[in-house]
PDB file of N, CA and C in Angstrom:
ATOM      1  N   UNK A   1      78.200 176.503 116.932  1.00  0.00           N
ATOM      2  CA  UNK A   1      78.168 176.284 118.358  1.00  0.00           C
ATOM      3  C   UNK A   1      77.136 175.218 119.206  1.00  0.00           C
ATOM      4  N   UNK A   2      77.745 174.827 119.321  1.00  0.00           N
ATOM      5  CA  UNK A   2      76.895 173.394 120.086  1.00  0.00           C
ATOM      6  C   UNK A   2      77.514 173.340 121.319  1.00  0.00           C
ATOM      7  N   UNK A   3      76.754 172.134 122.578  1.00  0.00           N
ATOM      8  CA  UNK A   3      76.662 172.199 123.574  1.00  0.00           C
ATOM      9  C   UNK A   3      75.157 172.452 124.358  1.00  0.00           C
ATOM     10  N   UNK A   4      75.571 172.503 125.679  1.00  0.00           N
ATOM     11  CA  UNK A   4      74.652 172.680 126.589  1.00  0.00           C
ATOM     12  C   UNK A   4      74.606 173.981 127.516  1.00  0.00           C
ATOM     13  N   UNK A   5      73.431 174.453 127.830  1.00  0.00           N
ATOM     14  CA  UNK A   5      73.835 175.583 128.619  1.00  0.00           C
ATOM     15  C   UNK A   5      73.229 175.745 130.365  1.00  0.00           C
ATOM     16  N   UNK A   6      74.334 176.074 131.031  1.00  0.00           N
ATOM     17  CA  UNK A   6      74.237 175.379 132.413  1.00  0.00           C
ATOM     18  C   UNK A   6      74.342 176.439 133.025  1.00  0.00           C
ATOM     19  N   UNK A   7      72.924 176.096 134.002  1.00  0.00           N
ATOM     20  CA  UNK A   7      72.594 177.481 134.776  1.00  0.00           C
ATOM     21  C   UNK A   7      72.770 177.361 136.384  1.00  0.00           C
ATOM     22  N   UNK A   8      74.499 178.489 136.582  1.00  0.00           N
ATOM     23  CA  UNK A   8      75.351 178.109 138.040  1.00  0.00           C
ATOM     24  C   UNK A   8      74.191 178.301 139.133  1.00  0.00           C
ATOM     25  N   UNK A   9      74.648 178.757 139.972  1.00  0.00           N
ATOM     26  CA  UNK A   9      73.835 178.903 141.452  1.00  0.00           C
ATOM     27  C   UNK A   9      74.143 180.264 141.589  1.00  0.00           C
ATOM     28  N   UNK A  10      74.931 180.986 141.037  1.00  0.00           N
ATOM     29  CA  UNK A  10      75.197 182.392 141.204  1.00  0.00           C
ATOM     30  C   UNK A  10      74.039 183.288 140.090  1.00  0.00           C
ATOM     31  N   UNK A  11      73.540 182.777 139.525  1.00  0.00           N
ATOM     32  CA  UNK A  11      72.441 182.902 138.158  1.00  0.00           C
ATOM     33  C   UNK A  11      73.134 183.100 136.822  1.00  0.00           C
ATOM     34  N   UNK A  12      74.397 183.107 136.327  1.00  0.00           N
ATOM     35  CA  UNK A  12      75.258 183.204 135.156  1.00  0.00           C
ATOM     36  C   UNK A  12      74.984 182.038 134.564  1.00  0.00           C
ATOM     37  N   UNK A  13      74.717 182.150 133.177  1.00  0.00           N
ATOM     38  CA  UNK A  13      74.350 180.924 131.996  1.00  0.00           C
ATOM     39  C   UNK A  13      75.680 180.588 131.741  1.00  0.00           C
ATOM     40  N   UNK A  14      75.640 179.235 131.542  1.00  0.00           N
ATOM     41  CA  UNK A  14      77.456 178.817 130.521  1.00  0.00           C
ATOM     42  C   UNK A  14      77.057 177.999 129.671  1.00  0.00           C
ATOM     43  N   UNK A  15      77.855 178.466 128.634  1.00  0.00           N
ATOM     44  CA  UNK A  15      77.474 177.081 127.351  1.00  0.00           C
ATOM     45  C   UNK A  15      78.727 176.296 127.587  1.00  0.00           C
ATOM     46  N   UNK A  16      78.303 175.071 127.588  1.00  0.00           N
ATOM     47  CA  UNK A  16      79.606 174.054 128.152  1.00  0.00           C
ATOM     48  C   UNK A  16      79.328 172.765 126.534  1.00  0.00           C
ATOM     49  N   UNK A  17      81.062 173.270 125.777  1.00  0.00           N
ATOM     50  CA  UNK A  17      80.648 172.281 125.222  1.00  0.00           C
ATOM     51  C   UNK A  17      80.727 170.907 125.187  1.00  0.00           C
ATOM     52  N   UNK A  18      81.509 170.445 125.858  1.00  0.00           N
ATOM     53  CA  UNK A  18      81.563 168.989 126.420  1.00  0.00           C
ATOM     54  C   UNK A  18      80.672 168.831 127.701  1.00  0.00           C
ATOM     55  N   UNK A  19      79.483 168.624 127.799  1.00  0.00           N
ATOM     56  CA  UNK A  19      78.596 169.019 128.979  1.00  0.00           C
ATOM     57  C   UNK A  19      79.034 167.513 130.144  1.00  0.00           C
ATOM     58  N   UNK A  20      79.334 166.339 129.961  1.00  0.00           N
ATOM     59  CA  UNK A  20      79.570 165.311 130.564  1.00  0.00           C
ATOM     60  C   UNK A  20      80.487 165.578 131.551  1.00  0.00           C
ATOM     61  N   UNK A  21      81.406 165.949 131.230  1.00  0.00           N
ATOM     62  CA  UNK A  21      82.812 166.566 131.793  1.00  0.00           C
ATOM     63  C   UNK A  21      82.244 166.850 133.232  1.00  0.00           C
ATOM     64  N   UNK A  22      81.904 168.021 132.962  1.00  0.00           N
ATOM     65  CA  UNK A  22      81.978 169.649 133.801  1.00  0.00           C
ATOM     66  C   UNK A  22      80.593 169.399 134.598  1.00  0.00           C
ATOM     67  N   UNK A  23      79.592 168.969 133.956  1.00  0.00           N
ATOM     68  CA  UNK A  23      78.252 168.873 134.286  1.00  0.00           C
ATOM     69  C   UNK A  23      78.446 167.415 135.652  1.00  0.00           C
ATOM     70  N   UNK A  24      78.829 166.422 135.036  1.00  0.00           N
ATOM     71  CA  UNK A  24      79.015 165.555 136.071  1.00  0.00           C
ATOM     72  C   UNK A  24      79.825 165.457 137.385  1.00  0.00           C
ATOM     73  N   UNK A  25      80.778 166.394 137.258  1.00  0.00           N
ATOM     74  CA  UNK A  25      81.757 167.195 138.324  1.00  0.00           C
ATOM     75  C   UNK A  25      81.232 168.211 139.610  1.00  0.00           C
ATOM     76  N   UNK A  26      80.112 169.000 138.383  1.00  0.00           N
ATOM     77  CA  UNK A  26      79.094 169.991 139.225  1.00  0.00           C
ATOM     78  C   UNK A  26      78.526 168.902 140.169  1.00  0.00           C
ATOM     79  N   UNK A  27      77.623 168.018 139.472  1.00  0.00           N
ATOM     80  CA  UNK A  27      76.623 166.995 140.359  1.00  0.00           C
ATOM     81  C   UNK A  27      77.440 166.874 141.921  1.00  0.00           C
ATOM     82  N   UNK A  28      78.414 165.972 141.380  1.00  0.00           N
ATOM     83  CA  UNK A  28      79.322 165.255 142.119  1.00  0.00           C
ATOM     84  C   UNK A  28      79.360 166.457 143.370  1.00  0.00           C
ATOM     85  N   UNK A  29      79.435 167.048 143.329  1.00  0.00           N
ATOM     86  CA  UNK A  29      80.162 168.506 144.371  1.00  0.00           C
ATOM     87  C   UNK A  29      78.737 168.754 145.130  1.00  0.00           C
ATOM     88  N   UNK A  30      77.739 169.227 144.457  1.00  0.00           N
ATOM     89  CA  UNK A  30      76.320 169.302 144.946  1.00  0.00           C
ATOM     90  C   UNK A  30      75.640 168.257 145.691  1.00  0.00           C
ATOM     91  N   UNK A  31      76.079 167.056 145.593  1.00  0.00           N
ATOM     92  CA  UNK A  31      76.075 165.804 146.357  1.00  0.00           C
ATOM     93  C   UNK A  31      76.636 165.854 147.777  1.00  0.00           C
ATOM     94  N   UNK A  32      77.112 166.738 148.572  1.00  0.00           N
ATOM     95  CA  UNK A  32      78.280 166.447 149.328  1.00  0.00           C
ATOM     96  C   UNK A  32      77.403 166.119 151.057  1.00  0.00           C
ATOM     97  N   UNK A  33      77.568 165.087 151.788  1.00  0.00           N
ATOM     98  CA  UNK A  33      77.241 165.114 153.175  1.00  0.00           C
ATOM     99  C   UNK A  33      77.162 166.429 154.095  1.00  0.00           C
ATOM    100  N   UNK A  34      75.925 166.637 154.455  1.00  0.00           N
ATOM    101  CA  UNK A  34      76.023 167.758 155.381  1.00  0.00           C
ATOM    102  C   UNK A  34      76.105 167.244 156.906  1.00  0.00           C
ATOM    103  N   UNK A  35      76.388 168.040 157.573  1.00  0.00           N
ATOM    104  CA  UNK A  35      76.900 167.703 158.956  1.00  0.00           C
ATOM    105  C   UNK A  35      76.214 168.866 159.894  1.00  0.00           C
ATOM    106  N   UNK A  36      75.702 168.415 161.199  1.00  0.00           N
ATOM    107  CA  UNK A  36      75.215 169.822 161.824  1.00  0.00           C
ATOM    108  C   UNK A  36      76.422 169.791 162.944  1.00  0.00           C
ATOM    109  N   UNK A  37      76.949 171.177 163.094  1.00  0.00           N
ATOM    110  CA  UNK A  37      78.354 171.542 164.183  1.00  0.00           C
ATOM    111  C   UNK A  37      77.779 172.411 164.877  1.00  0.00           C
ATOM    112  N   UNK A  38      77.961 172.034 166.342  1.00  0.00           N
ATOM    113  CA  UNK A  38      77.751 172.873 167.449  1.00  0.00           C
ATOM    114  C   UNK A  38      78.556 173.723 167.597  1.00  0.00           C
ATOM    115  N   UNK A  39      78.983 175.247 166.947  1.00  0.00           N
ATOM    116  CA  UNK A  39      79.562 176.328 166.744  1.00  0.00           C
ATOM    117  C   UNK A  39      80.572 176.621 168.311  1.00  0.00           C
ATOM    118  N   UNK A  40      79.781 176.668 169.371  1.00  0.00           N
ATOM    119  CA  UNK A  40      81.003 176.809 170.489  1.00  0.00           C
ATOM    120  C   UNK A  40      81.942 175.642 171.075  1.00  0.00           C
ATOM    121  N   UNK A  41      81.410 174.868 170.875  1.00  0.00           N
ATOM    122  CA  UNK A  41      82.386 173.848 170.554  1.00  0.00           C
ATOM    123  C   UNK A  41      83.272 172.986 169.757  1.00  0.00           C
ATOM    124  N   UNK A  42      82.663 173.325 168.514  1.00  0.00           N
ATOM    125  CA  UNK A  42      83.031 172.802 167.192  1.00  0.00           C
ATOM    126  C   UNK A  42      82.527 171.355 166.623  1.00  0.00           C
ATOM    127  N   UNK A  43      82.101 171.037 167.343  1.00  0.00           N
ATOM    128  CA  UNK A  43      82.006 169.537 167.933  1.00  0.00           C
ATOM    129  C   UNK A  43      80.668 168.831 166.452  1.00  0.00           C
ATOM    130  N   UNK A  44      81.148 168.285 165.866  1.00  0.00           N
ATOM    131  CA  UNK A  44      80.108 167.266 164.815  1.00  0.00           C
ATOM    132  C   UNK A  44      79.356 166.418 165.332  1.00  0.00           C
ATOM    133  N   UNK A  45      77.887 166.235 165.149  1.00  0.00           N
ATOM    134  CA  UNK A  45      76.780 165.844 166.000  1.00  0.00           C
ATOM    135  C   UNK A  45      76.815 164.784 164.672  1.00  0.00           C
ATOM    136  N   UNK A  46      77.421 163.526 165.670  1.00  0.00           N
ATOM    137  CA  UNK A  46      77.401 162.506 164.881  1.00  0.00           C
ATOM    138  C   UNK A  46      76.666 161.214 165.827  1.00  0.00           C
ATOM    139  N   UNK A  47      75.599 161.581 166.702  1.00  0.00           N
ATOM    140  CA  UNK A  47      74.960 160.632 166.830  1.00  0.00           C
ATOM    141  C   UNK A  47      73.938 161.422 167.600  1.00  0.00           C
ATOM    142  N   UNK A  48      72.833 160.351 168.043  1.00  0.00           N
ATOM    143  CA  UNK A  48      71.755 161.554 168.664  1.00  0.00           C
ATOM    144  C   UNK A  48      71.828 161.524 170.447  1.00  0.00           C
ATOM    145  N   UNK A  49      72.923 160.922 170.714  1.00  0.00           N
ATOM    146  CA  UNK A  49      73.504 161.095 172.513  1.00  0.00           C
ATOM    147  C   UNK A  49      74.251 162.332 172.195  1.00  0.00           C
ATOM    148  N   UNK A  50      75.251 162.814 171.478  1.00  0.00           N
ATOM    149  CA  UNK A  50      75.695 163.730 171.866  1.00  0.00           C
ATOM    150  C   UNK A  50      74.798 165.149 171.558  1.00  0.00           C
ATOM    151  N   UNK A  51      74.139 164.899 170.312  1.00  0.00           N
ATOM    152  CA  UNK A  51      72.845 166.032 170.656  1.00  0.00           C
ATOM    153  C   UNK A  51      71.663 166.235 171.351  1.00  0.00           C
ATOM    154  N   UNK A  52      71.550 165.254 172.229  1.00  0.00           N
ATOM    155  CA  UNK A  52      71.082 165.287 173.237  1.00  0.00           C
ATOM    156  C   UNK A  52      71.415 165.836 174.120  1.00  0.00           C
ATOM    157  N   UNK A  53      72.694 165.763 174.683  1.00  0.00           N
ATOM    158  CA  UNK A  53      73.200 166.593 175.872  1.00  0.00           C
ATOM    159  C   UNK A  53      73.098 167.775 175.180  1.00  0.00           C
ATOM    160  N   UNK A  54      73.504 168.484 174.399  1.00  0.00           N
ATOM    161  CA  UNK A  54      73.696 169.818 173.926  1.00  0.00           C
ATOM    162  C   UNK A  54      72.133 170.430 173.552  1.00  0.00           C
ATOM    163  N   UNK A  55      71.069 169.630 173.224  1.00  0.00           N
ATOM    164  CA  UNK A  55      70.257 170.573 173.439  1.00  0.00           C
ATOM    165  C   UNK A  55      69.747 170.419 174.631  1.00  0.00           C
ATOM    166  N   UNK A  56      69.935 169.333 175.848  1.00  0.00           N
ATOM    167  CA  UNK A  56      69.728 169.497 176.655  1.00  0.00           C
ATOM    168  C   UNK A  56      70.336 170.756 177.907  1.00  0.00           C
ATOM    169  N   UNK A  57      71.467 170.893 177.521  1.00  0.00           N
ATOM    170  CA  UNK A  57      72.143 172.061 178.155  1.00  0.00           C
ATOM    171  C   UNK A  57      71.707 173.007 177.486  1.00  0.00           C
ATOM    172  N   UNK A  58      70.927 173.236 176.725  1.00  0.00           N
ATOM    173  CA  UNK A  58      70.039 174.328 176.099  1.00  0.00           C
ATOM    174  C   UNK A  58      68.822 174.502 176.083  1.00  0.00           C
ATOM    175  N   UNK A  59      68.344 173.890 177.781  1.00  0.00           N
ATOM    176  CA  UNK A  59      67.324 174.531 178.089  1.00  0.00           C
ATOM    177  C   UNK A  59      66.030 173.498 176.824  1.00  0.00           C
ATOM    178  N   UNK A  60      66.327 172.649 176.041  1.00  0.00           N
ATOM    179  CA  UNK A  60      65.312 171.563 175.696  1.00  0.00           C
ATOM    180  C   UNK A  60      64.950 170.697 176.252  1.00  0.00           C
ATOM    181  N   UNK A  61      63.908 169.998 176.317  1.00  0.00           N
ATOM    182  CA  UNK A  61      63.151 168.494 176.821  1.00  0.00           C
ATOM    183  C   UNK A  61      63.272 167.755 176.049  1.00  0.00           C
ATOM    184  N   UNK A  62      63.057 166.484 176.315  1.00  0.00           N
ATOM    185  CA  UNK A  62      62.221 164.866 175.766  1.00  0.00           C
ATOM    186  C   UNK A  62      60.866 165.257 175.466  1.00  0.00           C
ATOM    187  N   UNK A  63      60.485 165.484 174.669  1.00  0.00           N
ATOM    188  CA  UNK A  63      58.747 165.316 174.127  1.00  0.00           C
ATOM    189  C   UNK A  63      58.138 163.935 174.196  1.00  0.00           C
ATOM    190  N   UNK A  64      57.710 163.100 175.185  1.00  0.00           N
ATOM    191  CA  UNK A  64      57.548 161.694 174.275  1.00  0.00           C
ATOM    192  C   UNK A  64      55.661 161.709 174.768  1.00  0.00           C
ATOM    193  N   UNK A  65      54.540 163.374 174.029  1.00  0.00           N
ATOM    194  CA  UNK A  65      53.422 163.153 173.670  1.00  0.00           C
ATOM    195  C   UNK A  65      53.032 162.893 172.437  1.00  0.00           C
ATOM    196  N   UNK A  66      53.829 162.820 171.681  1.00  0.00           N
ATOM    197  CA  UNK A  66      53.948 162.855 169.921  1.00  0.00           C
ATOM    198  C   UNK A  66      54.438 161.404 169.957  1.00  0.00           C
ATOM    199  N   UNK A  67      54.243 161.792 167.981  1.00  0.00           N
ATOM    200  CA  UNK A  67      54.441 160.422 167.290  1.00  0.00           C
ATOM    201  C   UNK A  67      55.814 159.541 167.793  1.00  0.00           C
ATOM    202  N   UNK A  68      55.752 157.936 167.982  1.00  0.00           N
ATOM    203  CA  UNK A  68      56.254 156.992 168.680  1.00  0.00           C
ATOM    204  C   UNK A  68      58.196 157.160 167.916  1.00  0.00           C
ATOM    205  N   UNK A  69      57.743 157.258 166.019  1.00  0.00           N
ATOM    206  CA  UNK A  69      58.661 157.061 165.346  1.00  0.00           C
ATOM    207  C   UNK A  69      59.681 158.210 165.455  1.00  0.00           C
ATOM    208  N   UNK A  70      59.898 159.265 166.327  1.00  0.00           N
ATOM    209  CA  UNK A  70      59.988 160.236 166.017  1.00  0.00           C
ATOM    210  C   UNK A  70      61.421 160.465 167.779  1.00  0.00           C
ATOM    211  N   UNK A  71      62.256 161.576 167.843  1.00  0.00           N
ATOM    212  CA  UNK A  71      62.605 162.247 168.918  1.00  0.00           C
ATOM    213  C   UNK A  71      62.274 163.280 168.615  1.00  0.00           C
ATOM    214  N   UNK A  72      61.815 163.638 169.894  1.00  0.00           N
ATOM    215  CA  UNK A  72      60.801 165.357 169.723  1.00  0.00           C
ATOM    216  C   UNK A  72      61.846 166.214 171.234  1.00  0.00           C
ATOM    217  N   UNK A  73      61.832 167.411 171.249  1.00  0.00           N
ATOM    218  CA  UNK A  73      62.482 168.456 172.107  1.00  0.00           C
ATOM    219  C   UNK A  73      61.508 169.274 171.989  1.00  0.00           C
ATOM    220  N   UNK A  74      61.210 169.702 172.935  1.00  0.00           N
ATOM    221  CA  UNK A  74      60.166 171.232 173.646  1.00  0.00           C
ATOM    222  C   UNK A  74      60.852 171.756 174.670  1.00  0.00           C
ATOM    223  N   UNK A  75      60.731 173.425 174.863  1.00  0.00           N
ATOM    224  CA  UNK A  75      61.156 174.670 175.336  1.00  0.00           C
ATOM    225  C   UNK A  75      59.947 174.642 176.392  1.00  0.00           C
ATOM    226  N   UNK A  76      60.096 175.529 177.940  1.00  0.00           N
ATOM    227  CA  UNK A  76      58.941 175.535 178.474  1.00  0.00           C
ATOM    228  C   UNK A  76      58.344 176.932 177.879  1.00  0.00           C
ATOM    229  N   UNK A  77      59.389 177.414 177.581  1.00  0.00           N
ATOM    230  CA  UNK A  77      59.307 179.207 176.998  1.00  0.00           C
ATOM    231  C   UNK A  77      59.144 179.622 175.689  1.00  0.00           C
ATOM    232  N   UNK A  78      58.756 178.002 174.952  1.00  0.00           N
ATOM    233  CA  UNK A  78      58.609 178.211 173.395  1.00  0.00           C
ATOM    234  C   UNK A  78      57.442 177.527 173.228  1.00  0.00           C
ATOM    235  N   UNK A  79      56.768 177.648 172.075  1.00  0.00           N
ATOM    236  CA  UNK A  79      55.593 176.603 171.286  1.00  0.00           C
ATOM    237  C   UNK A  79      56.786 175.951 170.318  1.00  0.00           C
ATOM    238  N   UNK A  80      57.749 175.986 170.157  1.00  0.00           N
ATOM    239  CA  UNK A  80      58.857 175.410 169.101  1.00  0.00           C
ATOM    240  C   UNK A  80      59.237 174.126 169.752  1.00  0.00           C
ATOM    241  N   UNK A  81      58.756 173.161 168.546  1.00  0.00           N
ATOM    242  CA  UNK A  81      59.150 171.484 169.128  1.00  0.00           C
ATOM    243  C   UNK A  81      60.073 171.030 167.569  1.00  0.00           C
ATOM    244  N   UNK A  82      61.037 170.532 168.505  1.00  0.00           N
ATOM    245  CA  UNK A  82      62.480 169.884 167.158  1.00  0.00           C
ATOM    246  C   UNK A  82      61.496 168.408 166.939  1.00  0.00           C
ATOM    247  N   UNK A  83      61.695 167.984 165.665  1.00  0.00           N
ATOM    248  CA  UNK A  83      61.278 166.809 165.413  1.00  0.00           C
ATOM    249  C   UNK A  83      62.322 166.232 164.399  1.00  0.00           C
ATOM    250  N   UNK A  84      62.789 164.884 164.862  1.00  0.00           N
ATOM    251  CA  UNK A  84      63.976 164.127 164.434  1.00  0.00           C
ATOM    252  C   UNK A  84      63.672 162.729 164.145  1.00  0.00           C
ATOM    253  N   UNK A  85      63.901 161.915 163.149  1.00  0.00           N
ATOM    254  CA  UNK A  85      63.558 160.900 162.934  1.00  0.00           C
ATOM    255  C   UNK A  85      64.513 159.903 164.147  1.00  0.00           C
ATOM    256  N   UNK A  86      64.109 158.645 164.288  1.00  0.00           N
ATOM    257  CA  UNK A  86      64.700 157.911 165.517  1.00  0.00           C
ATOM    258  C   UNK A  86      65.523 157.092 165.098  1.00  0.00           C
ATOM    259  N   UNK A  87      65.822 156.772 163.484  1.00  0.00           N
ATOM    260  CA  UNK A  87      67.190 156.852 162.691  1.00  0.00           C
ATOM    261  C   UNK A  87      67.928 157.780 162.756  1.00  0.00           C
ATOM    262  N   UNK A  88      69.211 157.930 162.992  1.00  0.00           N
ATOM    263  CA  UNK A  88      69.862 158.410 163.143  1.00  0.00           C
ATOM    264  C   UNK A  88      70.162 158.681 161.209  1.00  0.00           C
ATOM    265  N   UNK A  89      70.583 157.707 161.236  1.00  0.00           N
ATOM    266  CA  UNK A  89      71.066 157.245 159.350  1.00  0.00           C
ATOM    267  C   UNK A  89      69.821 158.565 158.335  1.00  0.00           C
ATOM    268  N   UNK A  90      68.763 158.798 158.855  1.00  0.00           N
ATOM    269  CA  UNK A  90      67.617 159.694 157.918  1.00  0.00           C
ATOM    270  C   UNK A  90      67.725 161.242 158.691  1.00  0.00           C
ATOM    271  N   UNK A  91      68.355 161.897 159.691  1.00  0.00           N
ATOM    272  CA  UNK A  91      69.020 162.798 160.119  1.00  0.00           C
ATOM    273  C   UNK A  91      69.674 163.610 158.873  1.00  0.00           C
ATOM    274  N   UNK A  92      68.865 163.895 158.440  1.00  0.00           N
ATOM    275  CA  UNK A  92      69.395 164.960 156.824  1.00  0.00           C
ATOM    276  C   UNK A  92      69.584 166.294 156.946  1.00  0.00           C
ATOM    277  N   UNK A  93      69.608 167.136 156.093  1.00  0.00           N
ATOM    278  CA  UNK A  93      69.384 168.823 156.399  1.00  0.00           C
ATOM    279  C   UNK A  93      68.117 169.353 156.739  1.00  0.00           C
ATOM    280  N   UNK A  94      67.031 169.106 156.147  1.00  0.00           N
ATOM    281  CA  UNK A  94      66.109 169.117 156.630  1.00  0.00           C
ATOM    282  C   UNK A  94      65.766 169.644 158.132  1.00  0.00           C
ATOM    283  N   UNK A  95      66.260 168.571 158.345  1.00  0.00           N
ATOM    284  CA  UNK A  95      66.021 168.362 160.320  1.00  0.00           C
ATOM    285  C   UNK A  95      67.554 169.327 161.072  1.00  0.00           C
ATOM    286  N   UNK A  96      68.460 169.380 160.554  1.00  0.00           N
ATOM    287  CA  UNK A  96      69.117 169.951 159.995  1.00  0.00           C
ATOM    288  C   UNK A  96      69.423 171.626 160.839  1.00  0.00           C
ATOM    289  N   UNK A  97      68.660 172.209 159.869  1.00  0.00           N
ATOM    290  CA  UNK A  97      68.266 173.693 159.198  1.00  0.00           C
ATOM    291  C   UNK A  97      67.525 173.712 160.376  1.00  0.00           C
ATOM    292  N   UNK A  98      66.435 172.704 160.931  1.00  0.00           N
ATOM    293  CA  UNK A  98      65.134 172.835 161.586  1.00  0.00           C
ATOM    294  C   UNK A  98      65.934 173.732 162.891  1.00  0.00           C
ATOM    295  N   UNK A  99      66.974 172.322 163.360  1.00  0.00           N
ATOM    296  CA  UNK A  99      68.029 173.369 164.571  1.00  0.00           C
ATOM    297  C   UNK A  99      68.430 174.434 164.666  1.00  0.00           C
ATOM    298  N   UNK A 100      69.222 174.492 163.600  1.00  0.00           N
ATOM    299  CA  UNK A 100      70.290 175.728 163.354  1.00  0.00           C
ATOM    300  C   UNK A 100      68.680 177.021 163.450  1.00  0.00           C
ATOM    301  N   UNK A 101      67.305 177.023 162.986  1.00  0.00           N
ATOM    302  CA  UNK A 101      66.683 177.915 163.044  1.00  0.00           C
ATOM    303  C   UNK A 101      65.837 178.185 164.485  1.00  0.00           C
ATOM    304  N   UNK A 102      66.127 177.261 164.993  1.00  0.00           N
ATOM    305  CA  UNK A 102      65.499 177.428 166.243  1.00  0.00           C
ATOM    306  C   UNK A 102      66.202 177.661 168.012  1.00  0.00           C
ATOM    307  N   UNK A 103      67.645 177.817 167.526  1.00  0.00           N
ATOM    308  CA  UNK A 103      68.832 177.876 167.918  1.00  0.00           C
ATOM    309  C   UNK A 103      69.968 178.607 167.473  1.00  0.00           C
ATOM    310  N   UNK A 104      69.786 179.929 167.265  1.00  0.00           N
ATOM    311  CA  UNK A 104      70.557 180.783 166.177  1.00  0.00           C
ATOM    312  C   UNK A 104      72.007 181.637 167.053  1.00  0.00           C
ATOM    313  N   UNK A 105      72.450 181.314 166.530  1.00  0.00           N
ATOM    314  CA  UNK A 105      74.066 181.167 166.524  1.00  0.00           C
ATOM    315  C   UNK A 105      74.492 180.389 167.301  1.00  0.00           C
ATOM    316  N   UNK A 106      74.232 179.193 167.205  1.00  0.00           N
ATOM    317  CA  UNK A 106      74.428 177.721 168.357  1.00  0.00           C
ATOM    318  C   UNK A 106      75.014 176.979 166.873  1.00  0.00           C
ATOM    319  N   UNK A 107      74.369 176.739 166.072  1.00  0.00           N
ATOM    320  CA  UNK A 107      74.420 175.412 165.459  1.00  0.00           C
ATOM    321  C   UNK A 107      74.465 175.900 164.025  1.00  0.00           C
ATOM    322  N   UNK A 108      75.243 174.943 162.931  1.00  0.00           N
ATOM    323  CA  UNK A 108      75.618 175.655 161.618  1.00  0.00           C
ATOM    324  C   UNK A 108      75.812 174.117 160.912  1.00  0.00           C
ATOM    325  N   UNK A 109      75.180 173.744 159.450  1.00  0.00           N
ATOM    326  CA  UNK A 109      75.070 173.265 158.861  1.00  0.00           C
ATOM    327  C   UNK A 109      76.160 173.373 157.979  1.00  0.00           C
ATOM    328  N   UNK A 110      77.115 172.143 157.466  1.00  0.00           N
ATOM    329  CA  UNK A 110      78.334 172.417 156.255  1.00  0.00           C
ATOM    330  C   UNK A 110      78.261 170.936 155.764  1.00  0.00           C
ATOM    331  N   UNK A 111      79.160 171.239 154.750  1.00  0.00           N
ATOM    332  CA  UNK A 111      79.346 170.256 153.194  1.00  0.00           C
ATOM    333  C   UNK A 111      80.473 169.347 154.416  1.00  0.00           C
ATOM    334  N   UNK A 112      80.138 167.782 154.121  1.00  0.00           N
ATOM    335  CA  UNK A 112      81.638 167.189 154.505  1.00  0.00           C
ATOM    336  C   UNK A 112      82.174 166.866 153.796  1.00  0.00           C
TER     337      UNK A 112
END
């Protein structure tokens, strides 16, 4: 019995006799690009312009007192601060989930 044991996301182990094909396919699936979706409108956030408009409509305001390399938003009614990289190409799932947590039931992160 030769092969490689693979641990799946659901906690199950599986012996793969030809690890090159299945393992490579699993890795490709895991590297899907993530997108932030505004649930009420179904709009995918493809730029900071669209995200800025939605955040402002939810009561978030631009915060200019912090790091000049970041776009930051805050709410007067909260201590929360959303910090995003100025370069939208660096807008990764870490930043997306920060928005989701601070705006429950309004945003969702999906695989593209």
